[in-house]
């Protein structure tokens, strides 16, 4: 199947909130059934970006070297920090904030492509009504974000394939942090990339989008083949390193 045109922003954002098995653990900006998010009064936070050496605690993909120059971003509330290439940009706040505040930051490449979204203070719920063929391209525990005895993990995973489509009637791939357990068997609930973070839950990641995520190879390759190729690129290595560097600030 060739995915010649990726759905627009509305579909991208609604995909991130589809629910699945597991506890709170995705880049929400819409509110489908089973997930709730309330907007609050606009805030004017001031986040900080400071120069930082590459983090020794994060292991990027072995086949792709990371960017040489990195900086550290700290949320306006001062509760979370992560490292990112110094050529990338952050918009904070990226939109309406959740009730009671919380971070809502978009990370974009040097040429303005959206690569990941961080949002905290999310109210979540989950149901699993259908299961789909899946693959887990990468998985890494993140003990620095453990809450309530639960260790979240970074994952790059897929749902659906050319023979058995996933929601919404097409294969999907996404990278991010989740507290959902690793899938077992030959099918899995939909991707639910939320993780526990006071006062409720947070999300940091994005759906793979071949129009935003620079991918080598033949443009006519099937979507899932492109996602697998992307996992070996320097850009993806930087994204993984950035997301897995997320930690309590201070």
C-alpha atoms as a PDB file:
ATOM      1  CA  UNK A   1       0.000   0.000   0.000  1.00  0.00           C
ATOM      2  CA  UNK A   2       1.371   3.401  -0.874  1.00  0.00           C
ATOM      3  CA  UNK A   3       0.529   6.198   1.503  1.00  0.00           C
ATOM      4  CA  UNK A   4       0.979   9.088  -0.891  1.00  0.00           C
ATOM      5  CA  UNK A   5      -0.692  11.649   1.338  1.00  0.00           C
ATOM      6  CA  UNK A   6      -0.775  11.673   5.109  1.00  0.00           C
ATOM      7  CA  UNK A   7      -4.065  12.777   6.706  1.00  0.00           C
ATOM      8  CA  UNK A   8      -4.248  16.329   7.953  1.00  0.00           C
ATOM      9  CA  UNK A   9      -3.570  17.644  11.434  1.00  0.00           C
ATOM     10  CA  UNK A  10      -7.036  16.831  12.741  1.00  0.00           C
ATOM     11  CA  UNK A  11      -6.670  13.136  11.977  1.00  0.00           C
ATOM     12  CA  UNK A  12      -3.094  13.121  13.253  1.00  0.00           C
ATOM     13  CA  UNK A  13      -4.194  14.549  16.572  1.00  0.00           C
ATOM     14  CA  UNK A  14      -7.280  12.380  16.916  1.00  0.00           C
ATOM     15  CA  UNK A  15      -5.213   9.251  16.244  1.00  0.00           C
ATOM     16  CA  UNK A  16      -3.054  10.067  19.220  1.00  0.00           C
ATOM     17  CA  UNK A  17      -6.007   9.840  21.568  1.00  0.00           C
ATOM     18  CA  UNK A  18      -7.543   6.555  20.427  1.00  0.00           C
ATOM     19  CA  UNK A  19      -7.690   4.300  23.469  1.00  0.00           C
ATOM     20  CA  UNK A  20      -6.267   0.846  24.038  1.00  0.00           C
ATOM     21  CA  UNK A  21      -5.320  -1.657  26.722  1.00  0.00           C
ATOM     22  CA  UNK A  22      -3.136  -0.542  29.595  1.00  0.00           C
ATOM     23  CA  UNK A  23      -2.905   2.300  32.042  1.00  0.00           C
ATOM     24  CA  UNK A  24      -2.484   5.974  31.304  1.00  0.00           C
ATOM     25  CA  UNK A  25       0.354   6.411  28.979  1.00  0.00           C
ATOM     26  CA  UNK A  26       0.104   9.943  23.358  1.00  0.00           C
ATOM     27  CA  UNK A  27       0.126  13.282  22.017  1.00  0.00           C
ATOM     28  CA  UNK A  28      -3.440  14.420  22.780  1.00  0.00           C
ATOM     29  CA  UNK A  29      -5.150  17.483  21.439  1.00  0.00           C
ATOM     30  CA  UNK A  30      -8.638  16.105  20.894  1.00  0.00           C
ATOM     31  CA  UNK A  31     -11.131  14.300  23.114  1.00  0.00           C
ATOM     32  CA  UNK A  32     -12.645  11.106  21.696  1.00  0.00           C
ATOM     33  CA  UNK A  33     -14.734   8.729  23.759  1.00  0.00           C
ATOM     34  CA  UNK A  34     -12.918   7.341  26.768  1.00  0.00           C
ATOM     35  CA  UNK A  35     -10.371  10.175  27.066  1.00  0.00           C
ATOM     36  CA  UNK A  36     -10.972  13.540  28.631  1.00  0.00           C
ATOM     37  CA  UNK A  37      -8.972  16.740  28.611  1.00  0.00           C
ATOM     38  CA  UNK A  38     -10.121  20.110  29.901  1.00  0.00           C
ATOM     39  CA  UNK A  39      -8.701  23.476  28.859  1.00  0.00           C
ATOM     40  CA  UNK A  40      -7.848  26.128  31.413  1.00  0.00           C
ATOM     41  CA  UNK A  41      -7.150  29.830  31.389  1.00  0.00           C
ATOM     42  CA  UNK A  42      -4.278  30.714  29.038  1.00  0.00           C
ATOM     43  CA  UNK A  43      -0.916  30.865  30.721  1.00  0.00           C
ATOM     44  CA  UNK A  44       2.309  32.603  29.805  1.00  0.00           C
ATOM     45  CA  UNK A  45       5.011  30.257  31.004  1.00  0.00           C
ATOM     46  CA  UNK A  46       8.677  30.937  30.485  1.00  0.00           C
ATOM     47  CA  UNK A  47      10.633  27.835  29.645  1.00  0.00           C
ATOM     48  CA  UNK A  48      14.397  27.602  29.611  1.00  0.00           C
ATOM     49  CA  UNK A  49      16.867  26.289  27.084  1.00  0.00           C
ATOM     50  CA  UNK A  50      20.416  25.748  28.297  1.00  0.00           C
ATOM     51  CA  UNK A  51      23.432  24.313  26.551  1.00  0.00           C
ATOM     52  CA  UNK A  52      24.175  20.749  27.575  1.00  0.00           C
ATOM     53  CA  UNK A  53      26.596  18.021  26.575  1.00  0.00           C
ATOM     54  CA  UNK A  54      25.175  14.811  25.138  1.00  0.00           C
ATOM     55  CA  UNK A  55      23.530  12.750  27.860  1.00  0.00           C
ATOM     56  CA  UNK A  56      25.506   9.666  28.781  1.00  0.00           C
ATOM     57  CA  UNK A  57      22.391   7.890  30.064  1.00  0.00           C
ATOM     58  CA  UNK A  58      20.615   7.718  26.714  1.00  0.00           C
ATOM     59  CA  UNK A  59      21.512   5.193  24.015  1.00  0.00           C
ATOM     60  CA  UNK A  60      20.589   6.321  20.468  1.00  0.00           C
ATOM     61  CA  UNK A  61      20.063   3.838  17.668  1.00  0.00           C
ATOM     62  CA  UNK A  62      23.400   2.165  16.988  1.00  0.00           C
ATOM     63  CA  UNK A  63      23.256   2.623  13.213  1.00  0.00           C
ATOM     64  CA  UNK A  64      22.722   6.388  13.284  1.00  0.00           C
ATOM     65  CA  UNK A  65      24.971   8.940  15.023  1.00  0.00           C
ATOM     66  CA  UNK A  66      23.189  11.723  16.933  1.00  0.00           C
ATOM     67  CA  UNK A  67      23.573  15.446  16.372  1.00  0.00           C
ATOM     68  CA  UNK A  68      26.777  16.915  17.756  1.00  0.00           C
ATOM     69  CA  UNK A  69      25.387  19.957  19.574  1.00  0.00           C
ATOM     70  CA  UNK A  70      22.609  19.608  22.140  1.00  0.00           C
ATOM     71  CA  UNK A  71      20.724  21.840  24.547  1.00  0.00           C
ATOM     72  CA  UNK A  72      18.430  21.230  27.528  1.00  0.00           C
ATOM     73  CA  UNK A  73      14.802  22.324  27.752  1.00  0.00           C
ATOM     74  CA  UNK A  74      13.041  22.732  31.096  1.00  0.00           C
ATOM     75  CA  UNK A  75       9.271  23.112  31.274  1.00  0.00           C
ATOM     76  CA  UNK A  76       7.851  26.370  32.566  1.00  0.00           C
ATOM     77  CA  UNK A  77       6.638  24.613  35.711  1.00  0.00           C
ATOM     78  CA  UNK A  78      10.191  23.415  36.308  1.00  0.00           C
ATOM     79  CA  UNK A  79       9.192  19.792  36.825  1.00  0.00           C
ATOM     80  CA  UNK A  80      10.553  18.123  33.667  1.00  0.00           C
ATOM     81  CA  UNK A  81      13.579  18.531  31.421  1.00  0.00           C
ATOM     82  CA  UNK A  82      14.903  16.885  28.284  1.00  0.00           C
ATOM     83  CA  UNK A  83      17.763  17.294  25.826  1.00  0.00           C
ATOM     84  CA  UNK A  84      17.366  18.138  22.154  1.00  0.00           C
ATOM     85  CA  UNK A  85      19.543  19.117  19.183  1.00  0.00           C
ATOM     86  CA  UNK A  86      20.431  22.791  19.388  1.00  0.00           C
ATOM     87  CA  UNK A  87      19.102  23.349  15.848  1.00  0.00           C
ATOM     88  CA  UNK A  88      15.583  22.232  16.807  1.00  0.00           C
ATOM     89  CA  UNK A  89      12.974  24.613  18.221  1.00  0.00           C
ATOM     90  CA  UNK A  90      10.324  24.461  20.944  1.00  0.00           C
ATOM     91  CA  UNK A  91       6.987  26.252  21.020  1.00  0.00           C
ATOM     92  CA  UNK A  92       5.679  26.495  24.602  1.00  0.00           C
ATOM     93  CA  UNK A  93       2.826  26.812  25.117  1.00  0.00           C
ATOM     94  CA  UNK A  94       1.820  25.151  21.860  1.00  0.00           C
ATOM     95  CA  UNK A  95      -1.882  25.760  22.491  1.00  0.00           C
ATOM     96  CA  UNK A  96      -4.495  25.727  25.234  1.00  0.00           C
ATOM     97  CA  UNK A  97      -3.184  24.287  28.457  1.00  0.00           C
ATOM     98  CA  UNK A  98      -4.847  21.542  30.439  1.00  0.00           C
ATOM     99  CA  UNK A  99      -6.957  22.469  33.459  1.00  0.00           C
ATOM    100  CA  UNK A 100      -4.721  23.568  36.295  1.00  0.00           C
ATOM    101  CA  UNK A 101      -1.779  24.247  33.971  1.00  0.00           C
ATOM    102  CA  UNK A 102       0.724  21.786  32.625  1.00  0.00           C
ATOM    103  CA  UNK A 103       3.256  21.755  29.819  1.00  0.00           C
ATOM    104  CA  UNK A 104       2.206  21.786  26.170  1.00  0.00           C
ATOM    105  CA  UNK A 105       5.314  22.048  24.023  1.00  0.00           C
ATOM    106  CA  UNK A 106       5.897  21.206  20.370  1.00  0.00           C
ATOM    107  CA  UNK A 107       9.364  20.226  19.147  1.00  0.00           C
ATOM    108  CA  UNK A 108      10.118  21.129  15.539  1.00  0.00           C
ATOM    109  CA  UNK A 109      13.093  20.516  13.271  1.00  0.00           C
ATOM    110  CA  UNK A 110      15.322  23.257  11.921  1.00  0.00           C
ATOM    111  CA  UNK A 111      13.065  23.453   8.853  1.00  0.00           C
ATOM    112  CA  UNK A 112       9.835  23.591  10.867  1.00  0.00           C
ATOM    113  CA  UNK A 113       8.629  19.979  10.785  1.00  0.00           C
ATOM    114  CA  UNK A 114       6.739  18.826  13.892  1.00  0.00           C
ATOM    115  CA  UNK A 115       8.629  15.881  15.403  1.00  0.00           C
ATOM    116  CA  UNK A 116       7.146  15.441  18.887  1.00  0.00           C
ATOM    117  CA  UNK A 117       4.745  16.931  21.403  1.00  0.00           C
ATOM    118  CA  UNK A 118       5.111  17.024  25.183  1.00  0.00           C
ATOM    119  CA  UNK A 119       1.986  17.528  27.257  1.00  0.00           C
ATOM    120  CA  UNK A 120       1.366  17.045  30.946  1.00  0.00           C
ATOM    121  CA  UNK A 121      -1.632  17.174  33.297  1.00  0.00           C
ATOM    122  CA  UNK A 122      -3.743  14.963  31.049  1.00  0.00           C
ATOM    123  CA  UNK A 123      -6.874  13.136  32.210  1.00  0.00           C
ATOM    124  CA  UNK A 124      -7.028   9.735  30.528  1.00  0.00           C
ATOM    125  CA  UNK A 125      -9.043   6.562  30.341  1.00  0.00           C
ATOM    126  CA  UNK A 126      -8.682   3.409  28.313  1.00  0.00           C
ATOM    127  CA  UNK A 127     -10.727   0.661  26.732  1.00  0.00           C
ATOM    128  CA  UNK A 128      -9.765  -2.089  24.315  1.00  0.00           C
ATOM    129  CA  UNK A 129     -12.519  -2.906  21.852  1.00  0.00           C
ATOM    130  CA  UNK A 130     -10.404  -4.322  19.017  1.00  0.00           C
ATOM    131  CA  UNK A 131      -6.963  -5.812  18.493  1.00  0.00           C
ATOM    132  CA  UNK A 132      -4.685  -5.506  15.481  1.00  0.00           C
ATOM    133  CA  UNK A 133      -1.503  -7.051  14.094  1.00  0.00           C
ATOM    134  CA  UNK A 134       1.461  -5.245  15.630  1.00  0.00           C
ATOM    135  CA  UNK A 135       5.229  -4.921  15.712  1.00  0.00           C
ATOM    136  CA  UNK A 136       7.536  -3.355  18.299  1.00  0.00           C
ATOM    137  CA  UNK A 137      10.497  -1.748  16.549  1.00  0.00           C
ATOM    138  CA  UNK A 138      12.129  -0.567  19.777  1.00  0.00           C
ATOM    139  CA  UNK A 139      11.423  -0.643  23.502  1.00  0.00           C
ATOM    140  CA  UNK A 140      13.468   0.838  26.350  1.00  0.00           C
ATOM    141  CA  UNK A 141      12.612   1.186  30.037  1.00  0.00           C
ATOM    142  CA  UNK A 142      12.802   4.707  31.511  1.00  0.00           C
ATOM    143  CA  UNK A 143      13.367   4.238  35.263  1.00  0.00           C
ATOM    144  CA  UNK A 144      13.946   7.968  35.783  1.00  0.00           C
ATOM    145  CA  UNK A 145      10.204   8.514  35.152  1.00  0.00           C
ATOM    146  CA  UNK A 146       8.928   5.764  37.471  1.00  0.00           C
ATOM    147  CA  UNK A 147       5.775   6.665  39.405  1.00  0.00           C
ATOM    148  CA  UNK A 148       3.701   4.613  41.853  1.00  0.00           C
ATOM    149  CA  UNK A 149       5.985   1.627  41.356  1.00  0.00           C
ATOM    150  CA  UNK A 150       5.450   1.638  37.568  1.00  0.00           C
ATOM    151  CA  UNK A 151       8.369   2.121  35.158  1.00  0.00           C
ATOM    152  CA  UNK A 152       7.297   3.563  31.782  1.00  0.00           C
ATOM    153  CA  UNK A 153       9.068   2.648  28.568  1.00  0.00           C
ATOM    154  CA  UNK A 154       9.953   4.316  25.327  1.00  0.00           C
ATOM    155  CA  UNK A 155       8.527   2.500  22.319  1.00  0.00           C
ATOM    156  CA  UNK A 156       8.379   2.744  18.552  1.00  0.00           C
ATOM    157  CA  UNK A 157       5.588   0.418  17.487  1.00  0.00           C
ATOM    158  CA  UNK A 158       3.068  -0.254  14.732  1.00  0.00           C
ATOM    159  CA  UNK A 159      -0.502  -1.432  14.379  1.00  0.00           C
ATOM    160  CA  UNK A 160      -2.166  -2.956  11.338  1.00  0.00           C
ATOM    161  CA  UNK A 161      -0.668  -4.095   8.045  1.00  0.00           C
ATOM    162  CA  UNK A 162      -1.609  -4.275   4.379  1.00  0.00           C
ATOM    163  CA  UNK A 163      -3.656  -7.423   4.954  1.00  0.00           C
ATOM    164  CA  UNK A 164      -5.333  -6.358   8.201  1.00  0.00           C
ATOM    165  CA  UNK A 165      -5.726  -2.629   8.573  1.00  0.00           C
ATOM    166  CA  UNK A 166      -5.596  -0.878  11.924  1.00  0.00           C
ATOM    167  CA  UNK A 167      -7.604   2.166  12.979  1.00  0.00           C
ATOM    168  CA  UNK A 168      -8.697   4.214  11.171  1.00  0.00           C
ATOM    169  CA  UNK A 169      -8.616   1.616   8.410  1.00  0.00           C
ATOM    170  CA  UNK A 170      -4.901   2.023   7.732  1.00  0.00           C
ATOM    171  CA  UNK A 171      -1.622   0.932   9.329  1.00  0.00           C
ATOM    172  CA  UNK A 172      -0.152   3.289  11.911  1.00  0.00           C
ATOM    173  CA  UNK A 173       3.213   3.720  13.622  1.00  0.00           C
ATOM    174  CA  UNK A 174       4.129   5.894  16.587  1.00  0.00           C
ATOM    175  CA  UNK A 175       6.997   6.621  18.953  1.00  0.00           C
ATOM    176  CA  UNK A 176       6.638   7.838  22.516  1.00  0.00           C
ATOM    177  CA  UNK A 177       6.485   6.962  26.210  1.00  0.00           C
ATOM    178  CA  UNK A 178       3.901   4.562  27.610  1.00  0.00           C
ATOM    179  CA  UNK A 179       3.045   2.634  30.751  1.00  0.00           C
ATOM    180  CA  UNK A 180       1.106   0.074  28.734  1.00  0.00           C
ATOM    181  CA  UNK A 181       2.730  -3.380  28.923  1.00  0.00           C
ATOM    182  CA  UNK A 182       4.529  -4.886  25.955  1.00  0.00           C
ATOM    183  CA  UNK A 183       2.007  -6.612  23.648  1.00  0.00           C
ATOM    184  CA  UNK A 184       1.892 -10.392  23.624  1.00  0.00           C
ATOM    185  CA  UNK A 185       0.556 -12.885  21.100  1.00  0.00           C
ATOM    186  CA  UNK A 186      -0.172 -12.037  17.484  1.00  0.00           C
ATOM    187  CA  UNK A 187      -2.399  -8.974  18.050  1.00  0.00           C
ATOM    188  CA  UNK A 188      -2.575  -5.993  20.375  1.00  0.00           C
ATOM    189  CA  UNK A 189      -4.807  -3.139  21.442  1.00  0.00           C
ATOM    190  CA  UNK A 190      -4.270   0.232  19.821  1.00  0.00           C
ATOM    191  CA  UNK A 191      -1.231   2.302  20.796  1.00  0.00           C
ATOM    192  CA  UNK A 192      -1.806   4.245  24.006  1.00  0.00           C
ATOM    193  CA  UNK A 193       1.234   6.439  24.600  1.00  0.00           C
ATOM    194  CA  UNK A 194       0.530   7.961  27.990  1.00  0.00           C
ATOM    195  CA  UNK A 195       2.586   7.628  31.155  1.00  0.00           C
ATOM    196  CA  UNK A 196       1.942   8.419  34.807  1.00  0.00           C
ATOM    197  CA  UNK A 197       3.101  11.881  35.842  1.00  0.00           C
ATOM    198  CA  UNK A 198       1.668  14.067  38.635  1.00  0.00           C
ATOM    199  CA  UNK A 199      -1.038  15.129  38.932  1.00  0.00           C
ATOM    200  CA  UNK A 200      -2.323  12.454  36.509  1.00  0.00           C
ATOM    201  CA  UNK A 201      -0.689  11.600  33.165  1.00  0.00           C
ATOM    202  CA  UNK A 202       1.556  12.961  30.415  1.00  0.00           C
ATOM    203  CA  UNK A 203       2.533  12.253  26.812  1.00  0.00           C
ATOM    204  CA  UNK A 204       5.720  12.805  24.799  1.00  0.00           C
ATOM    205  CA  UNK A 205       5.977  11.526  21.225  1.00  0.00           C
ATOM    206  CA  UNK A 206       4.274  11.558  17.832  1.00  0.00           C
ATOM    207  CA  UNK A 207       2.800   9.395  15.109  1.00  0.00           C
ATOM    208  CA  UNK A 208       5.221   8.553  12.312  1.00  0.00           C
ATOM    209  CA  UNK A 209       4.318  10.720   9.326  1.00  0.00           C
ATOM    210  CA  UNK A 210       6.369  10.240   6.134  1.00  0.00           C
ATOM    211  CA  UNK A 211       5.560  13.828   5.156  1.00  0.00           C
ATOM    212  CA  UNK A 212       7.177  15.124   8.371  1.00  0.00           C
ATOM    213  CA  UNK A 213       9.696  12.422   9.276  1.00  0.00           C
ATOM    214  CA  UNK A 214      12.450  12.435   6.645  1.00  0.00           C
ATOM    215  CA  UNK A 215      12.732   8.866   5.360  1.00  0.00           C
ATOM    216  CA  UNK A 216      15.162   7.462   2.765  1.00  0.00           C
ATOM    217  CA  UNK A 217      14.235   4.997   0.036  1.00  0.00           C
ATOM    218  CA  UNK A 218      11.573   4.800  -2.626  1.00  0.00           C
ATOM    219  CA  UNK A 219       8.645   7.144  -1.795  1.00  0.00           C
ATOM    220  CA  UNK A 220       6.241   4.481  -3.094  1.00  0.00           C
ATOM    221  CA  UNK A 221       7.230   1.989  -0.389  1.00  0.00           C
ATOM    222  CA  UNK A 222       4.399   0.854   1.908  1.00  0.00           C
ATOM    223  CA  UNK A 223       3.909   3.013   4.995  1.00  0.00           C
ATOM    224  CA  UNK A 224       5.123   0.391   7.472  1.00  0.00           C
ATOM    225  CA  UNK A 225       8.257  -0.261   5.407  1.00  0.00           C
ATOM    226  CA  UNK A 226       8.987   3.454   5.546  1.00  0.00           C
ATOM    227  CA  UNK A 227       8.548   3.419   9.321  1.00  0.00           C
ATOM    228  CA  UNK A 228      11.102   0.613   9.633  1.00  0.00           C
ATOM    229  CA  UNK A 229      13.542   2.509   7.416  1.00  0.00           C
ATOM    230  CA  UNK A 230      13.034   5.648   9.486  1.00  0.00           C
ATOM    231  CA  UNK A 231      14.117   3.778  12.613  1.00  0.00           C
ATOM    232  CA  UNK A 232      17.641   3.634  11.157  1.00  0.00           C
ATOM    233  CA  UNK A 233      18.009   7.334  10.329  1.00  0.00           C
ATOM    234  CA  UNK A 234      20.029   9.991  12.192  1.00  0.00           C
ATOM    235  CA  UNK A 235      16.860  12.039  12.653  1.00  0.00           C
ATOM    236  CA  UNK A 236      15.119   9.183  14.404  1.00  0.00           C
ATOM    237  CA  UNK A 237      18.205   8.566  16.556  1.00  0.00           C
ATOM    238  CA  UNK A 238      17.956  12.183  17.707  1.00  0.00           C
ATOM    239  CA  UNK A 239      14.218  11.874  18.395  1.00  0.00           C
ATOM    240  CA  UNK A 240      14.714   8.722  20.428  1.00  0.00           C
ATOM    241  CA  UNK A 241      17.563  10.252  22.380  1.00  0.00           C
ATOM    242  CA  UNK A 242      15.483  13.372  23.046  1.00  0.00           C
ATOM    243  CA  UNK A 243      12.414  11.517  24.265  1.00  0.00           C
ATOM    244  CA  UNK A 244      14.344   9.014  26.373  1.00  0.00           C
ATOM    245  CA  UNK A 245      16.243  11.880  28.040  1.00  0.00           C
ATOM    246  CA  UNK A 246      13.010  13.155  29.633  1.00  0.00           C
ATOM    247  CA  UNK A 247      13.560  13.360  33.391  1.00  0.00           C
ATOM    248  CA  UNK A 248      12.535  15.250  36.511  1.00  0.00           C
ATOM    249  CA  UNK A 249      14.136  18.690  36.418  1.00  0.00           C
ATOM    250  CA  UNK A 250      16.683  19.632  39.003  1.00  0.00           C
END
